[in-house]
Structures are given as C-alpha cells and as structure tokens.
Amino acid sequence: MEMISLKSRLLEAVASAYAEERKMIEQLSAAERAEKGTFNHWSAKDVVAHISAWKHQAAFTLEAAARSERRSGIDSVDTYNTRIFEEQHTRQWSYVKVNMKRVYKELVAGIQNCTEADLIDSRRFVWSGVEPLWKLVMCDGYEHTIQHLSGFYLKRENVARATEVQMAAVEAMAKFFKDTEYYSYALYNLGCLYAKTKRTKEASSVLFEALELNSDLVAEFQQDPELALLRAAEQVIGCEGEIATFIWRCLLNLTLCVIGFAPRQFGRWAASCKLVSQKFDERCLYMMNDIFAWRR
C-alpha cells in the first residue's frame, strides 16, 4: 500500500474542516444569519471569524518557517480571543466569508511551502510554541474548527449535526492520522458529546477506546466536570455489558503478560480502571502489582 505523505494528510484534514465550515454557513437560517452575537454567546458569524483568525495565525507561522524566519507568538490566548471578537463582530457576512476563503488558501499555501522536514522536526522551530509544526496545523487548522462547529450546533440544540461533525472527525482521523494522538482526541471528543447528550452507553464505549489508546487523556477525563457522572465511585459506566467487556480485556492482557507479551497494556488499564468503580479499581491494581512482582 502506498504511504501518504504527512503534507498530503494535513491538506486532507484542513480541507475537510473547511468543508464543514462551508456546510454550516449554507445551512444557516435567515434568523441565524441575522443574529447579533455577544462575547459570551457568539453568533455563527462570530464563530467563523474566530476560526479564521486562528487559521491565519497558523498560516503566518508556517510562512515564516518556510522562509527560515522567526516570528513572535501570542502572549495571551484570552486577550487574543477578545481582540478577535472586538475587531470582527461588527463585520458583514460578505467580509467574513471572503476572509474565510482567503485564510484557508493561506493555510494551504503555508503547508505546501514547508518541507516534510519543516513539518516534522520538533527542534527546528521551537519559537513557534508548538512542536513540531504539523501539530500546529492540526490544532489551529483542524481540531479547533471541528470543536467550535460542533459546539455551535450543540448550543443551539442541534444534536444531530453536532454528532455528525464529531463522527466525521473520527472517520477522518481514522483514515489519515490513526497512528497519532489525534485519533484518540477525536474519539474522546465524540465520547464527551455523547455524555453531554445523555447517551451514556455510547459515551462509555468511546471513552474506553480513547483512554486505552492514549493514557494522557485520563487526567483530563478525571477533571472534566461534565463527565462527573461517568466518574462516580460506585457507578458502572454504560451498562453491565461494558463491565464484562472490560474484565474480559483485563483477563486477556493478563494472559498475554504471563506468556510474555505487552505488559505495558496493564498501565493503560490501571488508568482506565478509574472509569468503573473505586473498589474494582483497587482490586485491579493489586492484581497487576502482584503480576509484575511475579514477572520480576
């Protein structure tokens, strides 16, 4: 199978995010187009202007990198976001849409003008604030867009579209970035959406998968107030079937460990145990410690 270059995958990702932006604008009602937003409740126009501003920052950084120049970063995200709103919220839709298209082209050109080494090397552009540069593209050119669009739909109780956007993100990441943390991020965000919309069974299943793939997300899961119900000490996530699946996976990993395969899996499950219950968590941890002691 032919390997797809990182640059090509980035271009596919930002193109899919841009397509979602255009789709959102096309589906707006007359009332939504005319809505005047506030800083605490953005209109659709405010959301698009905000997304474009951050894409412009990413494109600007890529352009500087391609010329081997240094550029200063943003001192404060909150201050920058406030400035974006103050500068853009009185703009007409015609300007916002033209600017959206222009910034997208800037971002595409910035990606194309960088070499693969530029995008991958984590030491080359330390001044960018994001190492390496391809992660800057994924953050400000893709993930940021998806999260704001999904959030826009959810705040307006259009759960179907919010879910559609997040599911499309999972599919895109599975296709182009399954070997990176961005696939687990997409799963995690979909799981959070399911939790917010009270689809507990789906939330538990997707979150299990995300945390198994990326244990770095455990801390975020533990601190997210909107996931409090899924963290309740004695509450089973989803349904009894989830517990059975979880235990089966633990036993499978135990067997693999005994015969000499992938003991690192236990670290992931040790973290994931916090999804079930405190007592079950303790039993699993004791069992795993015993196994590791025996192996040593």
Protein backbone atom coordinates (compact mmCIF):
# COMPACT_ATOMS: atom_id res chain seq x y z
CA MET A 1 0.00 0.00 0.00
CA GLU A 2 1.34 3.42 -0.94
CA MET A 3 2.21 5.63 2.02
CA ILE A 4 0.52 9.02 2.08
CA SER A 5 2.88 11.87 2.95
CA LEU A 6 2.32 13.94 6.08
CA LYS A 7 1.82 17.03 3.96
CA SER A 8 -0.93 15.33 1.94
CA ARG A 9 -2.65 14.15 5.10
CA LEU A 10 -2.56 17.65 6.58
CA LEU A 11 -4.06 19.08 3.41
CA GLU A 12 -6.84 16.49 3.54
CA ALA A 13 -7.56 17.33 7.18
CA VAL A 14 -7.78 21.11 6.74
CA ALA A 15 -9.86 20.64 3.59
CA SER A 16 -12.39 18.53 5.49
CA ALA A 17 -12.62 21.14 8.27
CA TYR A 18 -13.10 23.91 5.70
CA ALA A 19 -15.86 21.87 4.04
CA GLU A 20 -17.65 21.63 7.40
CA GLU A 21 -17.42 25.42 7.79
CA ARG A 22 -18.97 25.97 4.38
CA LYS A 23 -21.69 23.46 5.13
CA MET A 24 -22.53 25.23 8.37
CA ILE A 25 -22.89 28.58 6.61
CA GLU A 26 -25.01 27.07 3.83
CA GLN A 27 -27.44 25.56 6.35
CA LEU A 28 -27.96 28.71 8.42
CA SER A 29 -31.48 30.06 8.67
CA ALA A 30 -32.24 33.71 7.96
CA ALA A 31 -32.54 34.32 11.71
CA GLU A 32 -29.15 32.73 12.37
CA ARG A 33 -27.54 34.84 9.68
CA ALA A 34 -29.02 37.99 11.16
CA GLU A 35 -28.16 37.12 14.77
CA LYS A 36 -26.04 39.65 16.67
CA GLY A 37 -23.75 37.79 18.98
CA THR A 38 -22.18 38.79 22.27
CA PHE A 39 -18.80 37.80 23.66
CA ASN A 40 -20.48 35.21 25.90
CA HIS A 41 -22.81 33.92 23.18
CA TRP A 42 -21.25 34.01 19.73
CA SER A 43 -23.32 34.14 16.59
CA ALA A 44 -22.48 31.93 13.62
CA LYS A 45 -20.59 34.86 12.09
CA ASP A 46 -18.55 35.28 15.28
CA VAL A 47 -17.64 31.58 15.26
CA VAL A 48 -16.44 31.70 11.64
CA ALA A 49 -14.45 34.90 12.23
CA HIS A 50 -12.81 33.34 15.30
CA ILE A 51 -11.86 30.17 13.43
CA SER A 52 -10.39 32.21 10.57
CA ALA A 53 -8.27 34.32 12.92
CA TRP A 54 -6.58 31.26 14.39
CA LYS A 55 -6.05 29.71 10.96
CA HIS A 56 -4.40 32.95 9.92
CA GLN A 57 -2.00 32.67 12.87
CA ALA A 58 -1.10 29.13 11.83
CA ALA A 59 -0.59 30.17 8.21
CA PHE A 60 1.57 33.12 9.31
CA THR A 61 3.77 30.80 11.40
CA LEU A 62 4.15 28.31 8.54
CA GLU A 63 5.06 31.10 6.14
CA ALA A 64 7.79 32.33 8.50
CA ALA A 65 9.08 28.78 8.95
CA ALA A 66 9.26 28.21 5.19
CA ARG A 67 11.44 31.34 4.91
CA SER A 68 13.52 30.29 7.93
CA GLU A 69 12.37 33.42 9.74
CA ARG A 70 11.42 33.82 13.35
CA ARG A 71 8.08 35.25 14.45
CA SER A 72 6.71 36.23 17.82
CA GLY A 73 3.84 34.25 19.28
CA ILE A 74 0.63 35.26 21.04
CA ASP A 75 1.20 36.37 24.61
CA SER A 76 -2.30 35.58 25.88
CA VAL A 77 -4.94 33.38 24.26
CA ASP A 78 -7.75 35.11 26.18
CA THR A 79 -6.55 38.56 25.16
CA TYR A 80 -6.23 37.50 21.54
CA ASN A 81 -9.72 35.95 21.54
CA THR A 82 -11.17 39.15 22.98
CA ARG A 83 -9.42 41.20 20.32
CA ILE A 84 -10.72 38.93 17.56
CA PHE A 85 -14.28 39.40 18.74
CA GLU A 86 -13.99 43.16 19.13
CA GLU A 87 -12.47 43.55 15.67
CA GLN A 88 -14.74 41.14 13.82
CA HIS A 89 -18.22 41.06 15.35
CA THR A 90 -19.40 44.20 13.51
CA ARG A 91 -18.18 42.91 10.14
CA GLN A 92 -20.69 41.98 7.45
CA TRP A 93 -21.21 38.37 6.42
CA SER A 94 -19.81 39.18 2.98
CA TYR A 95 -16.45 40.16 4.52
CA VAL A 96 -16.35 37.18 6.91
CA LYS A 97 -16.96 34.68 4.10
CA VAL A 98 -14.35 36.24 1.80
CA ASN A 99 -11.86 36.28 4.67
CA MET A 100 -12.64 32.65 5.50
CA LYS A 101 -11.79 31.62 1.94
CA ARG A 102 -8.64 33.79 1.86
CA VAL A 103 -7.32 32.41 5.15
CA TYR A 104 -7.95 28.83 4.06
CA LYS A 105 -5.87 29.45 0.94
CA GLU A 106 -3.13 30.97 3.10
CA LEU A 107 -3.09 27.88 5.29
CA VAL A 108 -2.94 25.52 2.32
CA ALA A 109 -0.09 27.55 0.81
CA GLY A 110 1.74 27.53 4.14
CA ILE A 111 1.56 23.74 4.31
CA GLN A 112 2.64 23.33 0.70
CA ASN A 113 5.59 25.69 1.08
CA CYS A 114 7.01 23.76 4.04
CA THR A 115 9.10 20.67 3.51
CA GLU A 116 8.29 17.42 5.27
CA ALA A 117 11.33 18.06 7.46
CA ASP A 118 9.99 21.52 8.36
CA LEU A 119 6.72 19.97 9.48
CA ILE A 120 8.20 17.05 11.41
CA ASP A 121 11.35 18.36 13.10
CA SER A 122 10.44 19.26 16.68
CA ARG A 123 13.68 21.19 17.24
CA ARG A 124 13.77 23.36 14.16
CA PHE A 125 11.11 25.93 15.09
CA VAL A 126 10.96 25.92 18.88
CA TRP A 127 9.91 29.58 18.77
CA SER A 128 6.56 28.59 17.19
CA GLY A 129 5.30 27.43 20.60
CA VAL A 130 4.04 24.14 19.13
CA GLU A 131 6.45 21.34 18.38
CA PRO A 132 6.51 20.12 15.67
CA LEU A 133 4.76 22.39 13.15
CA TRP A 134 2.40 19.72 11.83
CA LYS A 135 0.73 19.72 15.24
CA LEU A 136 0.15 23.46 14.90
CA VAL A 137 -1.74 22.75 11.68
CA MET A 138 -3.78 20.01 13.32
CA CYS A 139 -4.56 22.16 16.34
CA ASP A 140 -5.44 25.52 14.73
CA GLY A 141 -6.33 24.33 11.25
CA TYR A 142 -8.40 21.26 12.04
CA GLU A 143 -9.30 20.31 15.61
CA HIS A 144 -10.07 23.89 16.69
CA THR A 145 -12.50 24.24 13.78
CA ILE A 146 -14.29 20.96 14.49
CA GLN A 147 -14.73 21.74 18.17
CA HIS A 148 -16.21 25.18 17.55
CA LEU A 149 -18.59 23.95 14.86
CA SER A 150 -19.80 21.06 17.00
CA GLY A 151 -20.17 23.40 19.97
CA PHE A 152 -22.16 25.87 17.88
CA TYR A 153 -24.66 23.17 16.92
CA LEU A 154 -24.88 21.80 20.43
CA LYS A 155 -25.61 25.20 21.98
CA ARG A 156 -28.48 25.57 19.53
CA GLU A 157 -29.77 22.09 20.43
CA ASN A 158 -28.97 20.68 17.01
CA VAL A 159 -27.59 17.48 18.49
CA ALA A 160 -27.80 15.58 15.21
CA ARG A 161 -25.47 17.97 13.40
CA ALA A 162 -23.11 18.25 16.37
CA THR A 163 -22.83 14.46 16.41
CA GLU A 164 -22.43 14.29 12.64
CA VAL A 165 -19.49 16.70 12.77
CA GLN A 166 -17.74 14.76 15.55
CA MET A 167 -18.34 11.39 13.89
CA ALA A 168 -16.93 12.74 10.62
CA ALA A 169 -13.85 13.86 12.57
CA VAL A 170 -13.37 10.35 13.96
CA GLU A 171 -13.63 8.92 10.44
CA ALA A 172 -11.16 11.47 9.06
CA MET A 173 -8.64 10.84 11.83
CA ALA A 174 -9.03 7.08 11.43
CA LYS A 175 -8.24 7.45 7.74
CA PHE A 176 -5.35 9.91 7.88
CA PHE A 177 -3.99 10.11 11.44
CA LYS A 178 -4.83 6.86 13.18
CA ASP A 179 -1.17 6.43 14.11
CA THR A 180 -1.17 9.71 16.07
CA GLU A 181 -2.80 11.08 19.22
CA TYR A 182 -5.33 12.98 17.10
CA TYR A 183 -7.36 9.84 16.53
CA SER A 184 -7.73 9.37 20.29
CA TYR A 185 -8.61 13.08 20.63
CA ALA A 186 -11.39 12.69 18.08
CA LEU A 187 -12.75 9.64 19.91
CA TYR A 188 -12.55 11.44 23.24
CA ASN A 189 -14.41 14.47 21.90
CA LEU A 190 -17.13 12.24 20.45
CA GLY A 191 -17.41 10.45 23.80
CA CYS A 192 -17.75 13.77 25.61
CA LEU A 193 -20.51 14.80 23.22
CA TYR A 194 -22.35 11.54 23.89
CA ALA A 195 -22.03 12.16 27.62
CA LYS A 196 -23.36 15.72 27.33
CA THR A 197 -26.36 14.47 25.36
CA LYS A 198 -27.04 11.66 27.87
CA ARG A 199 -26.06 8.81 25.56
CA THR A 200 -24.24 7.10 28.41
CA LYS A 201 -23.70 3.69 26.83
CA GLU A 202 -22.13 5.19 23.70
CA ALA A 203 -20.09 7.62 25.82
CA SER A 204 -18.59 4.85 27.95
CA SER A 205 -17.70 2.72 24.94
CA VAL A 206 -16.00 5.52 23.02
CA LEU A 207 -14.22 6.92 26.08
CA PHE A 208 -12.88 3.48 26.97
CA GLU A 209 -11.36 3.25 23.50
CA ALA A 210 -9.90 6.76 23.63
CA LEU A 211 -8.30 6.24 27.04
CA GLU A 212 -6.95 2.85 26.08
CA LEU A 213 -5.25 4.42 23.07
CA ASN A 214 -3.98 7.48 24.93
CA SER A 215 -3.47 7.30 28.68
CA ASP A 216 -2.52 11.00 28.70
CA LEU A 217 -6.25 11.74 28.41
CA VAL A 218 -7.01 10.14 31.79
CA ALA A 219 -6.14 13.31 33.73
CA GLU A 220 -8.46 15.37 31.54
CA PHE A 221 -11.23 12.82 31.99
CA GLN A 222 -10.82 12.91 35.76
CA GLN A 223 -11.04 16.71 35.88
CA ASP A 224 -13.85 17.37 33.38
CA PRO A 225 -16.93 18.48 35.39
CA GLU A 226 -19.26 17.49 32.55
CA LEU A 227 -18.14 13.86 32.93
CA ALA A 228 -18.76 13.69 36.67
CA LEU A 229 -21.50 11.06 36.35
CA LEU A 230 -19.16 8.77 34.48
CA ARG A 231 -16.61 9.08 37.26
CA ALA A 232 -18.97 8.35 40.16
CA ALA A 233 -17.18 5.98 42.51
CA GLU A 234 -19.72 3.16 42.53
CA GLN A 235 -21.39 3.86 39.20
CA VAL A 236 -20.93 1.43 36.36
CA ILE A 237 -20.28 3.22 33.09
CA GLY A 238 -22.85 2.48 30.44
CA CYS A 239 -24.24 -0.94 31.35
CA GLU A 240 -23.25 -4.34 32.72
CA GLY A 241 -22.04 -5.34 29.29
CA GLU A 242 -19.33 -2.70 29.48
CA ILE A 243 -18.06 -4.20 32.75
CA ALA A 244 -17.99 -7.67 31.22
CA THR A 245 -16.06 -6.39 28.21
CA PHE A 246 -13.67 -4.52 30.46
CA ILE A 247 -12.97 -7.57 32.65
CA TRP A 248 -12.52 -9.75 29.56
CA ARG A 249 -9.93 -7.34 28.21
CA CYS A 250 -8.11 -7.31 31.55
CA LEU A 251 -8.01 -11.12 31.61
CA LEU A 252 -6.78 -11.17 28.02
CA ASN A 253 -4.00 -8.74 28.90
CA LEU A 254 -3.19 -10.86 31.96
CA THR A 255 -2.80 -13.92 29.76
CA LEU A 256 -0.64 -12.02 27.30
CA CYS A 257 1.54 -10.80 30.15
CA VAL A 258 2.03 -14.29 31.58
CA ILE A 259 3.14 -15.67 28.22
CA GLY A 260 5.43 -12.72 27.60
CA PHE A 261 3.51 -10.18 25.54
CA ALA A 262 2.96 -6.43 26.01
CA PRO A 263 2.92 -5.95 29.78
CA ARG A 264 2.67 -2.19 29.12
CA GLN A 265 -1.03 -2.72 28.44
CA PHE A 266 -1.55 -3.05 32.18
CA GLY A 267 -0.52 0.55 32.70
CA ARG A 268 -3.27 1.69 30.40
CA TRP A 269 -5.86 -0.47 32.09
CA ALA A 270 -4.67 0.63 35.53
CA ALA A 271 -5.56 4.17 34.49
CA SER A 272 -8.76 3.07 32.79
CA CYS A 273 -9.93 1.26 35.93
CA LYS A 274 -10.86 4.67 37.31
CA LEU A 275 -13.74 4.62 34.85
CA VAL A 276 -15.50 1.81 36.69
CA SER A 277 -15.50 1.95 40.47
CA GLN A 278 -13.13 2.62 43.31
CA LYS A 279 -13.35 -0.94 44.67
CA PHE A 280 -12.87 -2.53 41.27
CA ASP A 281 -10.00 -0.12 40.65
CA GLU A 282 -8.23 -1.24 43.83
CA ARG A 283 -8.66 -4.95 43.07
CA CYS A 284 -7.23 -4.50 39.56
CA LEU A 285 -4.27 -2.50 40.80
CA TYR A 286 -3.43 -5.09 43.48
CA MET A 287 -3.69 -7.87 40.91
CA MET A 288 -1.45 -6.04 38.47
CA ASN A 289 1.15 -5.28 41.12
CA ASP A 290 1.24 -8.97 42.06
CA ILE A 291 1.70 -9.97 38.44
CA PHE A 292 4.51 -7.51 37.88
CA ALA A 293 6.22 -8.66 41.11
CA TRP A 294 5.99 -12.25 39.90
CA ARG A 295 7.40 -11.35 36.46
CA ARG A 296 10.37 -9.53 38.00
